Amino acid sequence: MAQERSVATHGNSTNLADILERVLDKGIVVAGDINVNIAEIELISIKIRLVVCSVDKAKEMGINWWQNDPYLSTSAPQLQLEQQNKELMKRIELLEKKLDQ
C-alpha cells in the first residue's frame, strides 16, 4: 500500500528568483578576516570583503572599478592611452624647458 503525503507550504513562500531580485536590488555585504598565527606570531592576515548587488546599486554606492578595468571595459584601454599621453606630454614639456635654459 502506497501512502500519499502532502507537503505543507506556507502562503508567503518565496522562490529563488524573488530572493535573487531582492539581494541584487538591496545588496548584501559579506566580510571576514582570516589570521594565521603560530606561537603568537602573525604569519598571514587576510581581509575578505564581498559585495553582491546589481550594477545600478553598485554605482549608487560609488563602486565602479569595472569601468577602468581593461579586461572588463572596452573604454578602459582608451583611458589608459589618454593618461599615458598626458604624462608623456608633461615630460616632453619639461625636457624642452631644460633645453631652452
PDB file of N, CA and C in Angstrom:
ATOM      1  N   MET A   1       0.824  -1.170   0.000  1.00  0.00           N
ATOM      2  CA  MET A   1       0.000   0.000   0.000  1.00  0.00           C
ATOM      3  C   MET A   1       0.877   1.245   0.000  1.00  0.00           C
ATOM      4  N   ALA A   2       0.648   2.078  -0.936  1.00  0.00           N
ATOM      5  CA  ALA A   2       1.396   3.328  -1.040  1.00  0.00           C
ATOM      6  C   ALA A   2       0.658   4.408  -0.282  1.00  0.00           C
ATOM      7  N   GLN A   3       1.402   5.138   0.479  1.00  0.00           N
ATOM      8  CA  GLN A   3       0.809   6.237   1.226  1.00  0.00           C
ATOM      9  C   GLN A   3       1.161   7.548   0.540  1.00  0.00           C
ATOM     10  N   GLU A   4       0.209   8.409   0.427  1.00  0.00           N
ATOM     11  CA  GLU A   4       0.457   9.714  -0.153  1.00  0.00           C
ATOM     12  C   GLU A   4       0.653  10.711   0.968  1.00  0.00           C
ATOM     13  N   ARG A   5       1.658  11.509   0.828  1.00  0.00           N
ATOM     14  CA  ARG A   5       1.926  12.549   1.820  1.00  0.00           C
ATOM     15  C   ARG A   5       1.867  13.896   1.119  1.00  0.00           C
ATOM     16  N   SER A   6       1.258  14.786   1.741  1.00  0.00           N
ATOM     17  CA  SER A   6       1.204  16.136   1.180  1.00  0.00           C
ATOM     18  C   SER A   6       2.252  16.997   1.872  1.00  0.00           C
ATOM     19  N   VAL A   7       2.845  17.851   1.095  1.00  0.00           N
ATOM     20  CA  VAL A   7       3.873  18.745   1.618  1.00  0.00           C
ATOM     21  C   VAL A   7       3.200  20.047   2.004  1.00  0.00           C
ATOM     22  N   ALA A   8       3.418  20.445   3.218  1.00  0.00           N
ATOM     23  CA  ALA A   8       2.811  21.686   3.688  1.00  0.00           C
ATOM     24  C   ALA A   8       3.582  22.868   3.123  1.00  0.00           C
ATOM     25  N   THR A   9       2.873  23.813   2.567  1.00  0.00           N
ATOM     26  CA  THR A   9       3.501  25.025   2.046  1.00  0.00           C
ATOM     27  C   THR A   9       2.947  26.222   2.779  1.00  0.00           C
ATOM     28  N   HIS A  10       3.763  27.212   2.888  1.00  0.00           N
ATOM     29  CA  HIS A  10       3.344  28.438   3.537  1.00  0.00           C
ATOM     30  C   HIS A  10       2.754  29.369   2.491  1.00  0.00           C
ATOM     31  N   GLY A  11       1.810  30.157   2.865  1.00  0.00           N
ATOM     32  CA  GLY A  11       1.151  31.073   1.944  1.00  0.00           C
ATOM     33  C   GLY A  11       2.075  32.150   1.413  1.00  0.00           C
ATOM     34  N   ASN A  12       3.138  32.496   2.130  1.00  0.00           N
ATOM     35  CA  ASN A  12       4.028  33.567   1.705  1.00  0.00           C
ATOM     36  C   ASN A  12       5.398  33.027   1.289  1.00  0.00           C
ATOM     37  N   SER A  13       5.418  31.905   0.615  1.00  0.00           N
ATOM     38  CA  SER A  13       6.692  31.328   0.205  1.00  0.00           C
ATOM     39  C   SER A  13       7.306  32.161  -0.920  1.00  0.00           C
ATOM     40  N   THR A  14       8.625  32.207  -0.930  1.00  0.00           N
ATOM     41  CA  THR A  14       9.339  32.941  -1.972  1.00  0.00           C
ATOM     42  C   THR A  14      10.206  31.966  -2.740  1.00  0.00           C
ATOM     43  N   ASN A  15      10.344  32.216  -4.011  1.00  0.00           N
ATOM     44  CA  ASN A  15      11.194  31.335  -4.797  1.00  0.00           C
ATOM     45  C   ASN A  15      12.568  31.972  -4.965  1.00  0.00           C
ATOM     46  N   LEU A  16      13.459  31.263  -5.584  1.00  0.00           N
ATOM     47  CA  LEU A  16      14.841  31.707  -5.734  1.00  0.00           C
ATOM     48  C   LEU A  16      14.931  33.004  -6.526  1.00  0.00           C
ATOM     49  N   ALA A  17      14.109  33.166  -7.539  1.00  0.00           N
ATOM     50  CA  ALA A  17      14.132  34.383  -8.345  1.00  0.00           C
ATOM     51  C   ALA A  17      13.773  35.607  -7.516  1.00  0.00           C
ATOM     52  N   ASP A  18      12.798  35.473  -6.627  1.00  0.00           N
ATOM     53  CA  ASP A  18      12.421  36.594  -5.758  1.00  0.00           C
ATOM     54  C   ASP A  18      13.555  36.964  -4.809  1.00  0.00           C
ATOM     55  N   ILE A  19      14.193  35.960  -4.255  1.00  0.00           N
ATOM     56  CA  ILE A  19      15.303  36.199  -3.329  1.00  0.00           C
ATOM     57  C   ILE A  19      16.459  36.871  -4.061  1.00  0.00           C
ATOM     58  N   LEU A  20      16.783  36.378  -5.247  1.00  0.00           N
ATOM     59  CA  LEU A  20      17.866  36.966  -6.032  1.00  0.00           C
ATOM     60  C   LEU A  20      17.553  38.413  -6.394  1.00  0.00           C
ATOM     61  N   GLU A  21      16.322  38.683  -6.765  1.00  0.00           N
ATOM     62  CA  GLU A  21      15.928  40.054  -7.104  1.00  0.00           C
ATOM     63  C   GLU A  21      16.092  40.981  -5.906  1.00  0.00           C
ATOM     64  N   ARG A  22      15.706  40.521  -4.736  1.00  0.00           N
ATOM     65  CA  ARG A  22      15.849  41.334  -3.525  1.00  0.00           C
ATOM     66  C   ARG A  22      17.308  41.592  -3.194  1.00  0.00           C
ATOM     67  N   VAL A  23      18.139  40.550  -3.302  1.00  0.00           N
ATOM     68  CA  VAL A  23      19.561  40.705  -2.986  1.00  0.00           C
ATOM     69  C   VAL A  23      20.209  41.692  -3.950  1.00  0.00           C
ATOM     70  N   LEU A  24      19.929  41.557  -5.248  1.00  0.00           N
ATOM     71  CA  LEU A  24      20.537  42.451  -6.218  1.00  0.00           C
ATOM     72  C   LEU A  24      20.028  43.878  -6.067  1.00  0.00           C
ATOM     73  N   ASP A  25      18.770  44.032  -5.685  1.00  0.00           N
ATOM     74  CA  ASP A  25      18.199  45.367  -5.529  1.00  0.00           C
ATOM     75  C   ASP A  25      18.745  46.063  -4.287  1.00  0.00           C
ATOM     76  N   LYS A  26      18.801  45.360  -3.182  1.00  0.00           N
ATOM     77  CA  LYS A  26      19.245  45.952  -1.919  1.00  0.00           C
ATOM     78  C   LYS A  26      20.748  45.840  -1.721  1.00  0.00           C
ATOM     79  N   GLY A  27      21.320  44.731  -2.168  1.00  0.00           N
ATOM     80  CA  GLY A  27      22.738  44.478  -1.961  1.00  0.00           C
ATOM     81  C   GLY A  27      22.977  43.690  -0.692  1.00  0.00           C
ATOM     82  N   ILE A  28      24.087  42.993  -0.664  1.00  0.00           N
ATOM     83  CA  ILE A  28      24.467  42.226   0.523  1.00  0.00           C
ATOM     84  C   ILE A  28      25.981  42.305   0.653  1.00  0.00           C
ATOM     85  N   VAL A  29      26.452  42.425   1.881  1.00  0.00           N
ATOM     86  CA  VAL A  29      27.879  42.527   2.141  1.00  0.00           C
ATOM     87  C   VAL A  29      28.282  41.361   3.029  1.00  0.00           C
ATOM     88  N   VAL A  30      29.340  40.677   2.627  1.00  0.00           N
ATOM     89  CA  VAL A  30      29.910  39.601   3.431  1.00  0.00           C
ATOM     90  C   VAL A  30      31.342  40.017   3.748  1.00  0.00           C
ATOM     91  N   ALA A  31      31.671  40.050   5.024  1.00  0.00           N
ATOM     92  CA  ALA A  31      33.009  40.472   5.432  1.00  0.00           C
ATOM     93  C   ALA A  31      33.572  39.454   6.411  1.00  0.00           C
ATOM     94  N   GLY A  32      34.867  39.258   6.309  1.00  0.00           N
ATOM     95  CA  GLY A  32      35.515  38.331   7.224  1.00  0.00           C
ATOM     96  C   GLY A  32      37.014  38.536   7.236  1.00  0.00           C
ATOM     97  N   ASP A  33      37.643  38.160   8.315  1.00  0.00           N
ATOM     98  CA  ASP A  33      39.085  38.252   8.462  1.00  0.00           C
ATOM     99  C   ASP A  33      39.639  36.883   8.806  1.00  0.00           C
ATOM    100  N   ILE A  34      40.762  36.557   8.197  1.00  0.00           N
ATOM    101  CA  ILE A  34      41.441  35.295   8.483  1.00  0.00           C
ATOM    102  C   ILE A  34      42.842  35.628   8.977  1.00  0.00           C
ATOM    103  N   ASN A  35      43.179  35.138  10.146  1.00  0.00           N
ATOM    104  CA  ASN A  35      44.517  35.337  10.706  1.00  0.00           C
ATOM    105  C   ASN A  35      45.141  33.989  11.001  1.00  0.00           C
ATOM    106  N   VAL A  36      46.386  33.814  10.565  1.00  0.00           N
ATOM    107  CA  VAL A  36      47.120  32.584  10.859  1.00  0.00           C
ATOM    108  C   VAL A  36      48.281  32.955  11.771  1.00  0.00           C
ATOM    109  N   ASN A  37      48.248  32.399  12.979  1.00  0.00           N
ATOM    110  CA  ASN A  37      49.279  32.683  13.981  1.00  0.00           C
ATOM    111  C   ASN A  37      49.950  31.389  14.415  1.00  0.00           C
ATOM    112  N   ILE A  38      51.225  31.490  14.658  1.00  0.00           N
ATOM    113  CA  ILE A  38      51.967  30.386  15.266  1.00  0.00           C
ATOM    114  C   ILE A  38      52.770  30.977  16.409  1.00  0.00           C
ATOM    115  N   ALA A  39      52.561  30.442  17.587  1.00  0.00           N
ATOM    116  CA  ALA A  39      53.250  30.910  18.797  1.00  0.00           C
ATOM    117  C   ALA A  39      53.116  32.423  18.946  1.00  0.00           C
ATOM    118  N   GLU A  40      51.892  32.911  18.786  1.00  0.00           N
ATOM    119  CA  GLU A  40      51.556  34.320  18.927  1.00  0.00           C
ATOM    120  C   GLU A  40      52.284  35.231  17.934  1.00  0.00           C
ATOM    121  N   ILE A  41      52.750  34.657  16.829  1.00  0.00           N
ATOM    122  CA  ILE A  41      53.359  35.440  15.747  1.00  0.00           C
ATOM    123  C   ILE A  41      52.426  35.359  14.549  1.00  0.00           C
ATOM    124  N   GLU A  42      52.003  36.518  14.112  1.00  0.00           N
ATOM    125  CA  GLU A  42      51.061  36.557  12.986  1.00  0.00           C
ATOM    126  C   GLU A  42      51.813  36.305  11.679  1.00  0.00           C
ATOM    127  N   LEU A  43      51.417  35.234  10.987  1.00  0.00           N
ATOM    128  CA  LEU A  43      52.055  34.887   9.718  1.00  0.00           C
ATOM    129  C   LEU A  43      51.281  35.445   8.528  1.00  0.00           C
ATOM    130  N   ILE A  44      49.982  35.296   8.572  1.00  0.00           N
ATOM    131  CA  ILE A  44      49.139  35.723   7.456  1.00  0.00           C
ATOM    132  C   ILE A  44      47.904  36.419   8.008  1.00  0.00           C
ATOM    133  N   SER A  45      47.552  37.518   7.376  1.00  0.00           N
ATOM    134  CA  SER A  45      46.315  38.218   7.711  1.00  0.00           C
ATOM    135  C   SER A  45      45.599  38.530   6.402  1.00  0.00           C
ATOM    136  N   ILE A  46      44.399  38.005   6.245  1.00  0.00           N
ATOM    137  CA  ILE A  46      43.623  38.194   5.017  1.00  0.00           C
ATOM    138  C   ILE A  46      42.299  38.848   5.382  1.00  0.00           C
ATOM    139  N   LYS A  47      41.990  39.937   4.705  1.00  0.00           N
ATOM    140  CA  LYS A  47      40.700  40.609   4.894  1.00  0.00           C
ATOM    141  C   LYS A  47      39.864  40.360   3.652  1.00  0.00           C
ATOM    142  N   ILE A  48      38.684  39.801   3.853  1.00  0.00           N
ATOM    143  CA  ILE A  48      37.790  39.465   2.748  1.00  0.00           C
ATOM    144  C   ILE A  48      36.565  40.353   2.824  1.00  0.00           C
ATOM    145  N   ARG A  49      36.284  41.036   1.727  1.00  0.00           N
ATOM    146  CA  ARG A  49      35.091  41.878   1.626  1.00  0.00           C
ATOM    147  C   ARG A  49      34.401  41.523   0.317  1.00  0.00           C
ATOM    148  N   LEU A  50      33.156  41.119   0.389  1.00  0.00           N
ATOM    149  CA  LEU A  50      32.392  40.713  -0.779  1.00  0.00           C
ATOM    150  C   LEU A  50      31.098  41.497  -0.810  1.00  0.00           C
ATOM    151  N   VAL A  51      30.839  42.154  -1.932  1.00  0.00           N
ATOM    152  CA  VAL A  51      29.597  42.887  -2.117  1.00  0.00           C
ATOM    153  C   VAL A  51      28.862  42.247  -3.283  1.00  0.00           C
ATOM    154  N   VAL A  52      27.622  41.839  -3.047  1.00  0.00           N
ATOM    155  CA  VAL A  52      26.792  41.260  -4.103  1.00  0.00           C
ATOM    156  C   VAL A  52      25.613  42.206  -4.297  1.00  0.00           C
ATOM    157  N   CYS A  53      25.535  42.789  -5.495  1.00  0.00           N
ATOM    158  CA  CYS A  53      24.432  43.701  -5.807  1.00  0.00           C
ATOM    159  C   CYS A  53      24.379  43.912  -7.312  1.00  0.00           C
ATOM    160  N   SER A  54      23.384  44.619  -7.761  1.00  0.00           N
ATOM    161  CA  SER A  54      23.268  44.929  -9.181  1.00  0.00           C
ATOM    162  C   SER A  54      24.253  46.037  -9.534  1.00  0.00           C
ATOM    163  N   VAL A  55      24.506  46.216 -10.818  1.00  0.00           N
ATOM    164  CA  VAL A  55      25.403  47.263 -11.281  1.00  0.00           C
ATOM    165  C   VAL A  55      24.847  48.634 -10.893  1.00  0.00           C
ATOM    166  N   ASP A  56      23.547  48.813 -11.031  1.00  0.00           N
ATOM    167  CA  ASP A  56      22.939  50.096 -10.677  1.00  0.00           C
ATOM    168  C   ASP A  56      23.141  50.409  -9.198  1.00  0.00           C
ATOM    169  N   LYS A  57      22.957  49.420  -8.351  1.00  0.00           N
ATOM    170  CA  LYS A  57      23.140  49.621  -6.905  1.00  0.00           C
ATOM    171  C   LYS A  57      24.608  49.911  -6.596  1.00  0.00           C
ATOM    172  N   ALA A  58      25.515  49.227  -7.274  1.00  0.00           N
ATOM    173  CA  ALA A  58      26.947  49.468  -7.064  1.00  0.00           C
ATOM    174  C   ALA A  58      27.302  50.904  -7.433  1.00  0.00           C
ATOM    175  N   LYS A  59      26.760  51.392  -8.547  1.00  0.00           N
ATOM    176  CA  LYS A  59      27.025  52.780  -8.946  1.00  0.00           C
ATOM    177  C   LYS A  59      26.481  53.753  -7.912  1.00  0.00           C
ATOM    178  N   GLU A  60      25.318  53.451  -7.336  1.00  0.00           N
ATOM    179  CA  GLU A  60      24.756  54.295  -6.278  1.00  0.00           C
ATOM    180  C   GLU A  60      25.697  54.383  -5.084  1.00  0.00           C
ATOM    181  N   MET A  61      26.379  53.267  -4.792  1.00  0.00           N
ATOM    182  CA  MET A  61      27.289  53.216  -3.655  1.00  0.00           C
ATOM    183  C   MET A  61      28.666  53.776  -3.998  1.00  0.00           C
ATOM    184  N   GLY A  62      28.874  54.148  -5.257  1.00  0.00           N
ATOM    185  CA  GLY A  62      30.160  54.707  -5.665  1.00  0.00           C
ATOM    186  C   GLY A  62      31.180  53.668  -6.080  1.00  0.00           C
ATOM    187  N   ILE A  63      30.730  52.461  -6.346  1.00  0.00           N
ATOM    188  CA  ILE A  63      31.631  51.396  -6.785  1.00  0.00           C
ATOM    189  C   ILE A  63      31.537  51.301  -8.305  1.00  0.00           C
ATOM    190  N   ASN A  64      32.658  51.532  -8.986  1.00  0.00           N
ATOM    191  CA  ASN A  64      32.653  51.447 -10.449  1.00  0.00           C
ATOM    192  C   ASN A  64      33.996  50.995 -11.005  1.00  0.00           C
ATOM    193  N   TRP A  65      34.703  50.169 -10.296  1.00  0.00           N
ATOM    194  CA  TRP A  65      36.041  49.755 -10.701  1.00  0.00           C
ATOM    195  C   TRP A  65      36.067  49.032 -12.041  1.00  0.00           C
ATOM    196  N   TRP A  66      34.976  48.379 -12.417  1.00  0.00           N
ATOM    197  CA  TRP A  66      34.943  47.632 -13.669  1.00  0.00           C
ATOM    198  C   TRP A  66      35.006  48.548 -14.890  1.00  0.00           C
ATOM    199  N   GLN A  67      34.691  49.841 -14.724  1.00  0.00           N
ATOM    200  CA  GLN A  67      34.713  50.762 -15.848  1.00  0.00           C
ATOM    201  C   GLN A  67      36.133  51.057 -16.309  1.00  0.00           C
ATOM    202  N   ASN A  68      37.114  50.923 -15.427  1.00  0.00           N
ATOM    203  CA  ASN A  68      38.506  51.191 -15.770  1.00  0.00           C
ATOM    204  C   ASN A  68      39.348  49.931 -15.875  1.00  0.00           C
ATOM    205  N   ASP A  69      38.749  48.781 -15.684  1.00  0.00           N
ATOM    206  CA  ASP A  69      39.467  47.516 -15.776  1.00  0.00           C
ATOM    207  C   ASP A  69      39.583  47.126 -17.253  1.00  0.00           C
ATOM    208  N   PRO A  70      40.799  46.973 -17.779  1.00  0.00           N
ATOM    209  CA  PRO A  70      40.953  46.679 -19.205  1.00  0.00           C
ATOM    210  C   PRO A  70      40.355  45.339 -19.624  1.00  0.00           C
ATOM    211  N   TYR A  71      40.154  44.443 -18.695  1.00  0.00           N
ATOM    212  CA  TYR A  71      39.582  43.145 -19.038  1.00  0.00           C
ATOM    213  C   TYR A  71      38.056  43.167 -19.062  1.00  0.00           C
ATOM    214  N   LEU A  72      37.452  44.196 -18.462  1.00  0.00           N
ATOM    215  CA  LEU A  72      36.003  44.244 -18.346  1.00  0.00           C
ATOM    216  C   LEU A  72      35.357  45.389 -19.115  1.00  0.00           C
ATOM    217  N   SER A  73      36.137  46.333 -19.590  1.00  0.00           N
ATOM    218  CA  SER A  73      35.575  47.501 -20.242  1.00  0.00           C
ATOM    219  C   SER A  73      36.281  47.765 -21.565  1.00  0.00           C
ATOM    220  N   THR A  74      35.508  48.101 -22.568  1.00  0.00           N
ATOM    221  CA  THR A  74      36.113  48.412 -23.867  1.00  0.00           C
ATOM    222  C   THR A  74      36.704  49.810 -23.886  1.00  0.00           C
ATOM    223  N   SER A  75      36.257  50.702 -22.987  1.00  0.00           N
ATOM    224  CA  SER A  75      36.785  52.064 -22.959  1.00  0.00           C
ATOM    225  C   SER A  75      38.029  52.187 -22.096  1.00  0.00           C
ATOM    226  N   ALA A  76      38.334  51.189 -21.282  1.00  0.00           N
ATOM    227  CA  ALA A  76      39.479  51.267 -20.381  1.00  0.00           C
ATOM    228  C   ALA A  76      40.807  51.418 -21.115  1.00  0.00           C
ATOM    229  N   PRO A  77      41.082  50.664 -22.185  1.00  0.00           N
ATOM    230  CA  PRO A  77      42.356  50.864 -22.877  1.00  0.00           C
ATOM    231  C   PRO A  77      42.504  52.286 -23.416  1.00  0.00           C
ATOM    232  N   GLN A  78      41.426  52.865 -23.892  1.00  0.00           N
ATOM    233  CA  GLN A  78      41.476  54.236 -24.394  1.00  0.00           C
ATOM    234  C   GLN A  78      41.819  55.203 -23.266  1.00  0.00           C
ATOM    235  N   LEU A  79      41.222  54.982 -22.088  1.00  0.00           N
ATOM    236  CA  LEU A  79      41.515  55.841 -20.943  1.00  0.00           C
ATOM    237  C   LEU A  79      42.979  55.720 -20.529  1.00  0.00           C
ATOM    238  N   GLN A  80      43.525  54.512 -20.590  1.00  0.00           N
ATOM    239  CA  GLN A  80      44.922  54.307 -20.239  1.00  0.00           C
ATOM    240  C   GLN A  80      45.832  55.013 -21.235  1.00  0.00           C
ATOM    241  N   LEU A  81      45.498  54.931 -22.508  1.00  0.00           N
ATOM    242  CA  LEU A  81      46.303  55.608 -23.524  1.00  0.00           C
ATOM    243  C   LEU A  81      46.261  57.121 -23.347  1.00  0.00           C
ATOM    244  N   GLU A  82      45.102  57.647 -23.026  1.00  0.00           N
ATOM    245  CA  GLU A  82      44.984  59.088 -22.799  1.00  0.00           C
ATOM    246  C   GLU A  82      45.830  59.526 -21.613  1.00  0.00           C
ATOM    247  N   GLN A  83      45.801  58.739 -20.543  1.00  0.00           N
ATOM    248  CA  GLN A  83      46.599  59.056 -19.358  1.00  0.00           C
ATOM    249  C   GLN A  83      48.088  58.995 -19.683  1.00  0.00           C
ATOM    250  N   GLN A  84      48.514  57.968 -20.395  1.00  0.00           N
ATOM    251  CA  GLN A  84      49.919  57.857 -20.781  1.00  0.00           C
ATOM    252  C   GLN A  84      50.322  59.019 -21.679  1.00  0.00           C
ATOM    253  N   ASN A  85      49.435  59.415 -22.586  1.00  0.00           N
ATOM    254  CA  ASN A  85      49.726  60.525 -23.481  1.00  0.00           C
ATOM    255  C   ASN A  85      49.922  61.823 -22.694  1.00  0.00           C
ATOM    256  N   LYS A  86      49.069  62.073 -21.707  1.00  0.00           N
ATOM    257  CA  LYS A  86      49.202  63.273 -20.883  1.00  0.00           C
ATOM    258  C   LYS A  86      50.535  63.280 -20.133  1.00  0.00           C
ATOM    259  N   GLU A  87      50.902  62.130 -19.570  1.00  0.00           N
ATOM    260  CA  GLU A  87      52.160  62.038 -18.834  1.00  0.00           C
ATOM    261  C   GLU A  87      53.351  62.269 -19.750  1.00  0.00           C
ATOM    262  N   LEU A  88      53.309  61.709 -20.940  1.00  0.00           N
ATOM    263  CA  LEU A  88      54.405  61.902 -21.889  1.00  0.00           C
ATOM    264  C   LEU A  88      54.502  63.351 -22.345  1.00  0.00           C
ATOM    265  N   MET A  89      53.360  63.996 -22.550  1.00  0.00           N
ATOM    266  CA  MET A  89      53.368  65.405 -22.948  1.00  0.00           C
ATOM    267  C   MET A  89      53.991  66.276 -21.857  1.00  0.00           C
ATOM    268  N   LYS A  90      53.705  65.979 -20.605  1.00  0.00           N
ATOM    269  CA  LYS A  90      54.306  66.727 -19.499  1.00  0.00           C
ATOM    270  C   LYS A  90      55.819  66.533 -19.482  1.00  0.00           C
ATOM    271  N   ARG A  91      56.259  65.301 -19.700  1.00  0.00           N
ATOM    272  CA  ARG A  91      57.699  65.029 -19.710  1.00  0.00           C
ATOM    273  C   ARG A  91      58.391  65.746 -20.861  1.00  0.00           C
ATOM    274  N   ILE A  92      57.734  65.789 -22.007  1.00  0.00           N
ATOM    275  CA  ILE A  92      58.312  66.488 -23.157  1.00  0.00           C
ATOM    276  C   ILE A  92      58.427  67.983 -22.869  1.00  0.00           C
ATOM    277  N   GLU A  93      57.401  68.552 -22.267  1.00  0.00           N
ATOM    278  CA  GLU A  93      57.439  69.979 -21.912  1.00  0.00           C
ATOM    279  C   GLU A  93      58.589  70.281 -20.954  1.00  0.00           C
ATOM    280  N   LEU A  94      58.770  69.415 -19.961  1.00  0.00           N
ATOM    281  CA  LEU A  94      59.871  69.614 -19.010  1.00  0.00           C
ATOM    282  C   LEU A  94      61.222  69.533 -19.711  1.00  0.00           C
ATOM    283  N   LEU A  95      61.372  68.561 -20.601  1.00  0.00           N
ATOM    284  CA  LEU A  95      62.637  68.425 -21.337  1.00  0.00           C
ATOM    285  C   LEU A  95      62.890  69.626 -22.238  1.00  0.00           C
ATOM    286  N   GLU A  96      61.855  70.144 -22.878  1.00  0.00           N
ATOM    287  CA  GLU A  96      62.006  71.312 -23.737  1.00  0.00           C
ATOM    288  C   GLU A  96      62.400  72.536 -22.924  1.00  0.00           C
ATOM    289  N   LYS A  97      61.818  72.670 -21.729  1.00  0.00           N
ATOM    290  CA  LYS A  97      62.190  73.795 -20.855  1.00  0.00           C
ATOM    291  C   LYS A  97      63.645  73.704 -20.451  1.00  0.00           C
ATOM    292  N   LYS A  98      64.105  72.503 -20.153  1.00  0.00           N
ATOM    293  CA  LYS A  98      65.512  72.322 -19.759  1.00  0.00           C
ATOM    294  C   LYS A  98      66.442  72.613 -20.925  1.00  0.00           C
ATOM    295  N   LEU A  99      66.035  72.247 -22.139  1.00  0.00           N
ATOM    296  CA  LEU A  99      66.879  72.529 -23.310  1.00  0.00           C
ATOM    297  C   LEU A  99      66.933  74.029 -23.609  1.00  0.00           C
ATOM    298  N   ASP A 100      65.849  74.732 -23.379  1.00  0.00           N
ATOM    299  CA  ASP A 100      65.808  76.163 -23.623  1.00  0.00           C
ATOM    300  C   ASP A 100      66.708  76.919 -22.635  1.00  0.00           C
ATOM    301  N   GLN A 101      66.890  76.385 -21.460  1.00  0.00           N
ATOM    302  CA  GLN A 101      67.701  77.067 -20.456  1.00  0.00           C
ATOM    303  C   GLN A 101      69.153  76.879 -20.818  1.00  0.00           C
TER     304      GLN A 101
END
